[in-house]
Amino acid sequence: MPRFDIRQMGTMPANTAGLWKRVTFLLALPAIALCALNAFSGHKHDEREPFAKYEYLRRRTKRFPWGDGNRSLFHNAEVNALPEGYEDEVAEED
């Protein structure tokens, strides 16, 4: 079994630095650019689900300690419905 000198265990041949430089510029950077393009390109937004009043959803047994007490802490008016329905639909009916 060959014995390795401790001083040589962390060294690489001098020509491998050029290899990793080429790998970085020819593979890694284009891959990062493609991932960024995919992440920031416009995605189709799905239609909002129609409101259905189920007795087991959006139950309020006590008021939330913030705001008007009816909206959750991370409430989004476009996505999250109140117990009566979506905010823009409830406002149109009044």
PDB file of N, CA and C in Angstrom:
ATOM      1  N   MET A   1       0.854  -1.171   0.000  1.00  0.00           N
ATOM      2  CA  MET A   1       0.000   0.000   0.000  1.00  0.00           C
ATOM      3  C   MET A   1       0.903   1.239   0.000  1.00  0.00           C
ATOM      4  N   PRO A   2       0.643   2.177  -0.924  1.00  0.00           N
ATOM      5  CA  PRO A   2       1.511   3.360  -0.981  1.00  0.00           C
ATOM      6  C   PRO A   2       1.240   4.298   0.188  1.00  0.00           C
ATOM      7  N   ARG A   3       2.280   4.942   0.615  1.00  0.00           N
ATOM      8  CA  ARG A   3       2.154   5.926   1.691  1.00  0.00           C
ATOM      9  C   ARG A   3       2.234   7.305   1.070  1.00  0.00           C
ATOM     10  N   PHE A   4       1.356   8.193   1.534  1.00  0.00           N
ATOM     11  CA  PHE A   4       1.313   9.549   1.004  1.00  0.00           C
ATOM     12  C   PHE A   4       1.957  10.502   2.000  1.00  0.00           C
ATOM     13  N   ASP A   5       2.656  11.438   1.465  1.00  0.00           N
ATOM     14  CA  ASP A   5       3.269  12.459   2.301  1.00  0.00           C
ATOM     15  C   ASP A   5       2.180  13.451   2.722  1.00  0.00           C
ATOM     16  N   ILE A   6       2.106  13.797   3.962  1.00  0.00           N
ATOM     17  CA  ILE A   6       1.081  14.689   4.495  1.00  0.00           C
ATOM     18  C   ILE A   6       1.114  16.041   3.794  1.00  0.00           C
ATOM     19  N   ARG A   7       2.287  16.537   3.438  1.00  0.00           N
ATOM     20  CA  ARG A   7       2.395  17.847   2.809  1.00  0.00           C
ATOM     21  C   ARG A   7       1.763  17.884   1.423  1.00  0.00           C
ATOM     22  N   GLN A   8       1.590  16.784   0.766  1.00  0.00           N
ATOM     23  CA  GLN A   8       1.063  16.761  -0.586  1.00  0.00           C
ATOM     24  C   GLN A   8      -0.433  16.437  -0.653  1.00  0.00           C
ATOM     25  N   MET A   9      -1.074  16.194   0.451  1.00  0.00           N
ATOM     26  CA  MET A   9      -2.468  15.751   0.411  1.00  0.00           C
ATOM     27  C   MET A   9      -3.432  16.859   0.004  1.00  0.00           C
ATOM     28  N   GLY A  10      -3.120  18.111   0.216  1.00  0.00           N
ATOM     29  CA  GLY A  10      -4.029  19.193  -0.135  1.00  0.00           C
ATOM     30  C   GLY A  10      -3.683  19.885  -1.429  1.00  0.00           C
ATOM     31  N   THR A  11      -2.748  19.378  -2.155  1.00  0.00           N
ATOM     32  CA  THR A  11      -2.325  20.053  -3.378  1.00  0.00           C
ATOM     33  C   THR A  11      -2.919  19.379  -4.597  1.00  0.00           C
ATOM     34  N   MET A  12      -3.117  20.175  -5.632  1.00  0.00           N
ATOM     35  CA  MET A  12      -3.606  19.677  -6.917  1.00  0.00           C
ATOM     36  C   MET A  12      -2.586  20.074  -7.973  1.00  0.00           C
ATOM     37  N   PRO A  13      -2.569  19.387  -9.078  1.00  0.00           N
ATOM     38  CA  PRO A  13      -1.675  19.817 -10.165  1.00  0.00           C
ATOM     39  C   PRO A  13      -2.040  21.219 -10.636  1.00  0.00           C
ATOM     40  N   ALA A  14      -1.086  21.939 -11.150  1.00  0.00           N
ATOM     41  CA  ALA A  14      -1.270  23.348 -11.512  1.00  0.00           C
ATOM     42  C   ALA A  14      -2.266  23.540 -12.640  1.00  0.00           C
ATOM     43  N   ASN A  15      -2.442  22.590 -13.529  1.00  0.00           N
ATOM     44  CA  ASN A  15      -3.324  22.774 -14.676  1.00  0.00           C
ATOM     45  C   ASN A  15      -4.809  22.610 -14.329  1.00  0.00           C
ATOM     46  N   THR A  16      -5.160  22.171 -13.145  1.00  0.00           N
ATOM     47  CA  THR A  16      -6.577  22.006 -12.808  1.00  0.00           C
ATOM     48  C   THR A  16      -7.265  23.336 -12.533  1.00  0.00           C
ATOM     49  N   ALA A  17      -6.531  24.376 -12.214  1.00  0.00           N
ATOM     50  CA  ALA A  17      -7.154  25.687 -12.000  1.00  0.00           C
ATOM     51  C   ALA A  17      -7.798  26.181 -13.282  1.00  0.00           C
ATOM     52  N   GLY A  18      -7.153  25.984 -14.402  1.00  0.00           N
ATOM     53  CA  GLY A  18      -7.725  26.377 -15.689  1.00  0.00           C
ATOM     54  C   GLY A  18      -8.975  25.570 -16.015  1.00  0.00           C
ATOM     55  N   LEU A  19      -8.962  24.290 -15.662  1.00  0.00           N
ATOM     56  CA  LEU A  19     -10.142  23.448 -15.884  1.00  0.00           C
ATOM     57  C   LEU A  19     -11.347  23.980 -15.117  1.00  0.00           C
ATOM     58  N   TRP A  20     -11.166  24.302 -13.847  1.00  0.00           N
ATOM     59  CA  TRP A  20     -12.291  24.780 -13.042  1.00  0.00           C
ATOM     60  C   TRP A  20     -12.734  26.173 -13.456  1.00  0.00           C
ATOM     61  N   LYS A  21     -11.822  26.963 -13.977  1.00  0.00           N
ATOM     62  CA  LYS A  21     -12.203  28.279 -14.508  1.00  0.00           C
ATOM     63  C   LYS A  21     -13.099  28.104 -15.733  1.00  0.00           C
ATOM     64  N   ARG A  22     -12.745  27.180 -16.622  1.00  0.00           N
ATOM     65  CA  ARG A  22     -13.577  26.910 -17.801  1.00  0.00           C
ATOM     66  C   ARG A  22     -14.926  26.316 -17.405  1.00  0.00           C
ATOM     67  N   VAL A  23     -14.928  25.414 -16.445  1.00  0.00           N
ATOM     68  CA  VAL A  23     -16.188  24.821 -15.982  1.00  0.00           C
ATOM     69  C   VAL A  23     -17.097  25.900 -15.415  1.00  0.00           C
ATOM     70  N   THR A  24     -16.530  26.828 -14.668  1.00  0.00           N
ATOM     71  CA  THR A  24     -17.330  27.908 -14.087  1.00  0.00           C
ATOM     72  C   THR A  24     -17.955  28.778 -15.162  1.00  0.00           C
ATOM     73  N   PHE A  25     -17.166  29.212 -16.122  1.00  0.00           N
ATOM     74  CA  PHE A  25     -17.676  30.138 -17.132  1.00  0.00           C
ATOM     75  C   PHE A  25     -18.525  29.458 -18.201  1.00  0.00           C
ATOM     76  N   LEU A  26     -18.266  28.205 -18.508  1.00  0.00           N
ATOM     77  CA  LEU A  26     -18.990  27.536 -19.589  1.00  0.00           C
ATOM     78  C   LEU A  26     -20.193  26.729 -19.111  1.00  0.00           C
ATOM     79  N   LEU A  27     -20.214  26.311 -17.864  1.00  0.00           N
ATOM     80  CA  LEU A  27     -21.333  25.508 -17.362  1.00  0.00           C
ATOM     81  C   LEU A  27     -22.115  26.192 -16.245  1.00  0.00           C
ATOM     82  N   ALA A  28     -21.414  26.658 -15.230  1.00  0.00           N
ATOM     83  CA  ALA A  28     -22.103  27.177 -14.049  1.00  0.00           C
ATOM     84  C   ALA A  28     -22.825  28.489 -14.325  1.00  0.00           C
ATOM     85  N   LEU A  29     -22.168  29.445 -14.937  1.00  0.00           N
ATOM     86  CA  LEU A  29     -22.814  30.742 -15.179  1.00  0.00           C
ATOM     87  C   LEU A  29     -24.002  30.642 -16.145  1.00  0.00           C
ATOM     88  N   PRO A  30     -23.914  29.891 -17.246  1.00  0.00           N
ATOM     89  CA  PRO A  30     -25.120  29.728 -18.072  1.00  0.00           C
ATOM     90  C   PRO A  30     -26.251  29.009 -17.337  1.00  0.00           C
ATOM     91  N   ALA A  31     -25.916  28.051 -16.489  1.00  0.00           N
ATOM     92  CA  ALA A  31     -26.957  27.365 -15.723  1.00  0.00           C
ATOM     93  C   ALA A  31     -27.643  28.324 -14.759  1.00  0.00           C
ATOM     94  N   ILE A  32     -26.885  29.185 -14.113  1.00  0.00           N
ATOM     95  CA  ILE A  32     -27.463  30.186 -13.210  1.00  0.00           C
ATOM     96  C   ILE A  32     -28.334  31.159 -13.986  1.00  0.00           C
ATOM     97  N   ALA A  33     -27.877  31.565 -15.178  1.00  0.00           N
ATOM     98  CA  ALA A  33     -28.670  32.484 -16.001  1.00  0.00           C
ATOM     99  C   ALA A  33     -29.988  31.840 -16.437  1.00  0.00           C
ATOM    100  N   LEU A  34     -29.963  30.570 -16.812  1.00  0.00           N
ATOM    101  CA  LEU A  34     -31.201  29.880 -17.199  1.00  0.00           C
ATOM    102  C   LEU A  34     -32.158  29.737 -16.017  1.00  0.00           C
ATOM    103  N   CYS A  35     -31.633  29.447 -14.846  1.00  0.00           N
ATOM    104  CA  CYS A  35     -32.484  29.344 -13.652  1.00  0.00           C
ATOM    105  C   CYS A  35     -33.103  30.693 -13.309  1.00  0.00           C
ATOM    106  N   ALA A  36     -32.335  31.769 -13.433  1.00  0.00           N
ATOM    107  CA  ALA A  36     -32.873  33.106 -13.159  1.00  0.00           C
ATOM    108  C   ALA A  36     -33.934  33.480 -14.180  1.00  0.00           C
ATOM    109  N   LEU A  37     -33.713  33.149 -15.438  1.00  0.00           N
ATOM    110  CA  LEU A  37     -34.698  33.421 -16.479  1.00  0.00           C
ATOM    111  C   LEU A  37     -35.997  32.667 -16.204  1.00  0.00           C
ATOM    112  N   ASN A  38     -35.885  31.426 -15.795  1.00  0.00           N
ATOM    113  CA  ASN A  38     -37.072  30.637 -15.471  1.00  0.00           C
ATOM    114  C   ASN A  38     -37.798  31.196 -14.253  1.00  0.00           C
ATOM    115  N   ALA A  39     -37.056  31.630 -13.251  1.00  0.00           N
ATOM    116  CA  ALA A  39     -37.674  32.120 -12.021  1.00  0.00           C
ATOM    117  C   ALA A  39     -38.388  33.446 -12.223  1.00  0.00           C
ATOM    118  N   PHE A  40     -37.831  34.323 -13.052  1.00  0.00           N
ATOM    119  CA  PHE A  40     -38.388  35.658 -13.189  1.00  0.00           C
ATOM    120  C   PHE A  40     -39.236  35.848 -14.433  1.00  0.00           C
ATOM    121  N   SER A  41     -39.404  34.811 -15.230  1.00  0.00           N
ATOM    122  CA  SER A  41     -40.271  34.946 -16.404  1.00  0.00           C
ATOM    123  C   SER A  41     -41.727  34.949 -15.942  1.00  0.00           C
ATOM    124  N   GLY A  42     -42.570  35.570 -16.725  1.00  0.00           N
ATOM    125  CA  GLY A  42     -43.974  35.676 -16.349  1.00  0.00           C
ATOM    126  C   GLY A  42     -44.670  34.326 -16.380  1.00  0.00           C
ATOM    127  N   HIS A  43     -45.324  34.003 -15.301  1.00  0.00           N
ATOM    128  CA  HIS A  43     -46.073  32.763 -15.211  1.00  0.00           C
ATOM    129  C   HIS A  43     -47.559  33.073 -15.284  1.00  0.00           C
ATOM    130  N   LYS A  44     -48.310  32.165 -15.842  1.00  0.00           N
ATOM    131  CA  LYS A  44     -49.747  32.334 -15.937  1.00  0.00           C
ATOM    132  C   LYS A  44     -50.361  32.206 -14.540  1.00  0.00           C
ATOM    133  N   HIS A  45     -51.213  33.150 -14.205  1.00  0.00           N
ATOM    134  CA  HIS A  45     -51.889  33.100 -12.919  1.00  0.00           C
ATOM    135  C   HIS A  45     -53.211  32.368 -13.086  1.00  0.00           C
ATOM    136  N   ASP A  46     -53.492  31.478 -12.167  1.00  0.00           N
ATOM    137  CA  ASP A  46     -54.727  30.714 -12.227  1.00  0.00           C
ATOM    138  C   ASP A  46     -55.903  31.566 -11.774  1.00  0.00           C
ATOM    139  N   GLU A  47     -57.071  31.184 -12.206  1.00  0.00           N
ATOM    140  CA  GLU A  47     -58.291  31.863 -11.783  1.00  0.00           C
ATOM    141  C   GLU A  47     -58.544  31.577 -10.307  1.00  0.00           C
ATOM    142  N   ARG A  48     -59.163  32.527  -9.642  1.00  0.00           N
ATOM    143  CA  ARG A  48     -59.488  32.356  -8.229  1.00  0.00           C
ATOM    144  C   ARG A  48     -60.645  31.371  -8.099  1.00  0.00           C
ATOM    145  N   GLU A  49     -60.555  30.516  -7.110  1.00  0.00           N
ATOM    146  CA  GLU A  49     -61.620  29.543  -6.859  1.00  0.00           C
ATOM    147  C   GLU A  49     -62.902  30.270  -6.468  1.00  0.00           C
ATOM    148  N   PRO A  50     -64.048  29.829  -6.960  1.00  0.00           N
ATOM    149  CA  PRO A  50     -65.297  30.468  -6.540  1.00  0.00           C
ATOM    150  C   PRO A  50     -65.545  30.210  -5.052  1.00  0.00           C
ATOM    151  N   PHE A  51     -66.169  31.177  -4.405  1.00  0.00           N
ATOM    152  CA  PHE A  51     -66.400  31.056  -2.966  1.00  0.00           C
ATOM    153  C   PHE A  51     -67.484  30.021  -2.705  1.00  0.00           C
ATOM    154  N   ALA A  52     -67.214  29.134  -1.780  1.00  0.00           N
ATOM    155  CA  ALA A  52     -68.198  28.150  -1.331  1.00  0.00           C
ATOM    156  C   ALA A  52     -68.239  28.233   0.187  1.00  0.00           C
ATOM    157  N   LYS A  53     -69.409  28.437   0.726  1.00  0.00           N
ATOM    158  CA  LYS A  53     -69.535  28.603   2.176  1.00  0.00           C
ATOM    159  C   LYS A  53     -69.728  27.231   2.821  1.00  0.00           C
ATOM    160  N   TYR A  54     -68.641  26.690   3.337  1.00  0.00           N
ATOM    161  CA  TYR A  54     -68.680  25.426   4.054  1.00  0.00           C
ATOM    162  C   TYR A  54     -68.652  25.726   5.545  1.00  0.00           C
ATOM    163  N   GLU A  55     -69.336  24.918   6.316  1.00  0.00           N
ATOM    164  CA  GLU A  55     -69.426  25.192   7.754  1.00  0.00           C
ATOM    165  C   GLU A  55     -68.120  24.891   8.486  1.00  0.00           C
ATOM    166  N   TYR A  56     -67.235  24.105   7.894  1.00  0.00           N
ATOM    167  CA  TYR A  56     -65.992  23.742   8.561  1.00  0.00           C
ATOM    168  C   TYR A  56     -64.808  24.608   8.122  1.00  0.00           C
ATOM    169  N   LEU A  57     -65.007  25.538   7.202  1.00  0.00           N
ATOM    170  CA  LEU A  57     -63.944  26.445   6.777  1.00  0.00           C
ATOM    171  C   LEU A  57     -64.211  27.855   7.289  1.00  0.00           C
ATOM    172  N   ARG A  58     -63.141  28.602   7.532  1.00  0.00           N
ATOM    173  CA  ARG A  58     -63.214  30.011   7.943  1.00  0.00           C
ATOM    174  C   ARG A  58     -64.097  30.206   9.176  1.00  0.00           C
ATOM    175  N   ARG A  59     -63.951  29.319  10.139  1.00  0.00           N
ATOM    176  CA  ARG A  59     -64.716  29.437  11.384  1.00  0.00           C
ATOM    177  C   ARG A  59     -64.037  30.449  12.283  1.00  0.00           C
ATOM    178  N   ARG A  60     -64.820  31.289  12.921  1.00  0.00           N
ATOM    179  CA  ARG A  60     -64.295  32.278  13.864  1.00  0.00           C
ATOM    180  C   ARG A  60     -64.982  32.045  15.207  1.00  0.00           C
ATOM    181  N   THR A  61     -64.286  31.355  16.117  1.00  0.00           N
ATOM    182  CA  THR A  61     -64.849  31.145  17.447  1.00  0.00           C
ATOM    183  C   THR A  61     -64.540  32.324  18.364  1.00  0.00           C
ATOM    184  N   LYS A  62     -63.462  33.038  18.064  1.00  0.00           N
ATOM    185  CA  LYS A  62     -63.161  34.284  18.771  1.00  0.00           C
ATOM    186  C   LYS A  62     -62.415  35.197  17.814  1.00  0.00           C
ATOM    187  N   ARG A  63     -62.411  36.468  18.115  1.00  0.00           N
ATOM    188  CA  ARG A  63     -61.827  37.467  17.224  1.00  0.00           C
ATOM    189  C   ARG A  63     -60.303  37.397  17.271  1.00  0.00           C
ATOM    190  N   PHE A  64     -59.671  37.716  16.141  1.00  0.00           N
ATOM    191  CA  PHE A  64     -58.219  37.837  16.119  1.00  0.00           C
ATOM    192  C   PHE A  64     -57.828  39.090  16.904  1.00  0.00           C
ATOM    193  N   PRO A  65     -56.673  39.082  17.591  1.00  0.00           N
ATOM    194  CA  PRO A  65     -56.297  40.238  18.408  1.00  0.00           C
ATOM    195  C   PRO A  65     -55.735  41.414  17.617  1.00  0.00           C
ATOM    196  N   TRP A  66     -55.831  41.433  16.311  1.00  0.00           N
ATOM    197  CA  TRP A  66     -55.319  42.540  15.497  1.00  0.00           C
ATOM    198  C   TRP A  66     -56.380  42.969  14.501  1.00  0.00           C
ATOM    199  N   GLY A  67     -56.257  44.189  14.043  1.00  0.00           N
ATOM    200  CA  GLY A  67     -57.161  44.703  13.011  1.00  0.00           C
ATOM    201  C   GLY A  67     -58.613  44.668  13.443  1.00  0.00           C
ATOM    202  N   ASP A  68     -59.486  44.283  12.528  1.00  0.00           N
ATOM    203  CA  ASP A  68     -60.909  44.222  12.838  1.00  0.00           C
ATOM    204  C   ASP A  68     -61.295  42.902  13.495  1.00  0.00           C
ATOM    205  N   GLY A  69     -60.350  41.972  13.650  1.00  0.00           N
ATOM    206  CA  GLY A  69     -60.620  40.700  14.298  1.00  0.00           C
ATOM    207  C   GLY A  69     -61.152  39.638  13.363  1.00  0.00           C
ATOM    208  N   ASN A  70     -61.392  39.979  12.108  1.00  0.00           N
ATOM    209  CA  ASN A  70     -61.959  39.027  11.166  1.00  0.00           C
ATOM    210  C   ASN A  70     -60.925  38.522  10.165  1.00  0.00           C
ATOM    211  N   ARG A  71     -59.828  39.235   9.998  1.00  0.00           N
ATOM    212  CA  ARG A  71     -58.802  38.857   9.027  1.00  0.00           C
ATOM    213  C   ARG A  71     -57.612  38.239   9.749  1.00  0.00           C
ATOM    214  N   SER A  72     -57.032  37.191   9.127  1.00  0.00           N
ATOM    215  CA  SER A  72     -55.869  36.549   9.726  1.00  0.00           C
ATOM    216  C   SER A  72     -54.661  37.482   9.646  1.00  0.00           C
ATOM    217  N   LEU A  73     -53.583  37.107  10.306  1.00  0.00           N
ATOM    218  CA  LEU A  73     -52.406  37.963  10.367  1.00  0.00           C
ATOM    219  C   LEU A  73     -51.794  38.169   8.985  1.00  0.00           C
ATOM    220  N   PHE A  74     -51.782  37.153   8.155  1.00  0.00           N
ATOM    221  CA  PHE A  74     -51.210  37.246   6.813  1.00  0.00           C
ATOM    222  C   PHE A  74     -52.318  37.233   5.773  1.00  0.00           C
ATOM    223  N   HIS A  75     -53.342  38.018   5.982  1.00  0.00           N
ATOM    224  CA  HIS A  75     -54.509  38.044   5.101  1.00  0.00           C
ATOM    225  C   HIS A  75     -54.168  38.710   3.776  1.00  0.00           C
ATOM    226  N   ASN A  76     -54.619  38.091   2.683  1.00  0.00           N
ATOM    227  CA  ASN A  76     -54.459  38.644   1.341  1.00  0.00           C
ATOM    228  C   ASN A  76     -55.855  38.753   0.750  1.00  0.00           C
ATOM    229  N   ALA A  77     -56.304  39.956   0.464  1.00  0.00           N
ATOM    230  CA  ALA A  77     -57.678  40.179   0.017  1.00  0.00           C
ATOM    231  C   ALA A  77     -57.976  39.508  -1.315  1.00  0.00           C
ATOM    232  N   GLU A  78     -56.967  39.285  -2.144  1.00  0.00           N
ATOM    233  CA  GLU A  78     -57.199  38.659  -3.440  1.00  0.00           C
ATOM    234  C   GLU A  78     -57.347  37.146  -3.340  1.00  0.00           C
ATOM    235  N   VAL A  79     -56.754  36.531  -2.334  1.00  0.00           N
ATOM    236  CA  VAL A  79     -56.715  35.076  -2.261  1.00  0.00           C
ATOM    237  C   VAL A  79     -57.542  34.529  -1.099  1.00  0.00           C
ATOM    238  N   ASN A  80     -57.460  35.161   0.066  1.00  0.00           N
ATOM    239  CA  ASN A  80     -58.109  34.648   1.259  1.00  0.00           C
ATOM    240  C   ASN A  80     -59.516  35.206   1.391  1.00  0.00           C
ATOM    241  N   ALA A  81     -60.467  34.317   1.569  1.00  0.00           N
ATOM    242  CA  ALA A  81     -61.854  34.737   1.728  1.00  0.00           C
ATOM    243  C   ALA A  81     -62.178  34.950   3.201  1.00  0.00           C
ATOM    244  N   LEU A  82     -63.121  35.831   3.459  1.00  0.00           N
ATOM    245  CA  LEU A  82     -63.680  36.015   4.790  1.00  0.00           C
ATOM    246  C   LEU A  82     -64.832  35.027   4.942  1.00  0.00           C
ATOM    247  N   PRO A  83     -65.400  34.874   6.131  1.00  0.00           N
ATOM    248  CA  PRO A  83     -66.525  33.949   6.275  1.00  0.00           C
ATOM    249  C   PRO A  83     -67.715  34.287   5.376  1.00  0.00           C
ATOM    250  N   GLU A  84     -67.883  35.548   4.998  1.00  0.00           N
ATOM    251  CA  GLU A  84     -69.006  35.941   4.150  1.00  0.00           C
ATOM    252  C   GLU A  84     -68.683  35.783   2.668  1.00  0.00           C
ATOM    253  N   GLY A  85     -67.408  35.744   2.286  1.00  0.00           N
ATOM    254  CA  GLY A  85     -66.994  35.648   0.894  1.00  0.00           C
ATOM    255  C   GLY A  85     -65.755  36.484   0.666  1.00  0.00           C
ATOM    256  N   TYR A  86     -65.344  36.584  -0.596  1.00  0.00           N
ATOM    257  CA  TYR A  86     -64.193  37.424  -0.928  1.00  0.00           C
ATOM    258  C   TYR A  86     -64.558  38.887  -0.722  1.00  0.00           C
ATOM    259  N   GLU A  87     -63.578  39.691  -0.332  1.00  0.00           N
ATOM    260  CA  GLU A  87     -63.851  41.084   0.030  1.00  0.00           C
ATOM    261  C   GLU A  87     -64.420  41.885  -1.126  1.00  0.00           C
ATOM    262  N   ASP A  88     -63.910  41.702  -2.339  1.00  0.00           N
ATOM    263  CA  ASP A  88     -64.437  42.483  -3.458  1.00  0.00           C
ATOM    264  C   ASP A  88     -65.841  42.028  -3.851  1.00  0.00           C
ATOM    265  N   GLU A  89     -66.174  40.749  -3.657  1.00  0.00           N
ATOM    266  CA  GLU A  89     -67.525  40.271  -3.956  1.00  0.00           C
ATOM    267  C   GLU A  89     -68.520  40.736  -2.905  1.00  0.00           C
ATOM    268  N   VAL A  90     -68.099  40.768  -1.630  1.00  0.00           N
ATOM    269  CA  VAL A  90     -68.982  41.226  -0.554  1.00  0.00           C
ATOM    270  C   VAL A  90     -69.253  42.712  -0.723  1.00  0.00           C
ATOM    271  N   ALA A  91     -68.240  43.495  -1.122  1.00  0.00           N
ATOM    272  CA  ALA A  91     -68.416  44.938  -1.301  1.00  0.00           C
ATOM    273  C   ALA A  91     -69.350  45.237  -2.470  1.00  0.00           C
ATOM    274  N   GLU A  92     -69.339  44.417  -3.519  1.00  0.00           N
ATOM    275  CA  GLU A  92     -70.218  44.634  -4.667  1.00  0.00           C
ATOM    276  C   GLU A  92     -71.679  44.378  -4.315  1.00  0.00           C
ATOM    277  N   GLU A  93     -71.928  43.427  -3.404  1.00  0.00           N
ATOM    278  CA  GLU A  93     -73.302  43.095  -3.037  1.00  0.00           C
ATOM    279  C   GLU A  93     -73.942  44.175  -2.185  1.00  0.00           C
ATOM    280  N   ASP A  94     -73.147  44.911  -1.398  1.00  0.00           N
ATOM    281  CA  ASP A  94     -73.706  45.938  -0.494  1.00  0.00           C
ATOM    282  C   ASP A  94     -74.217  47.137  -1.240  1.00  0.00           C
TER     283      ASP A  94
END
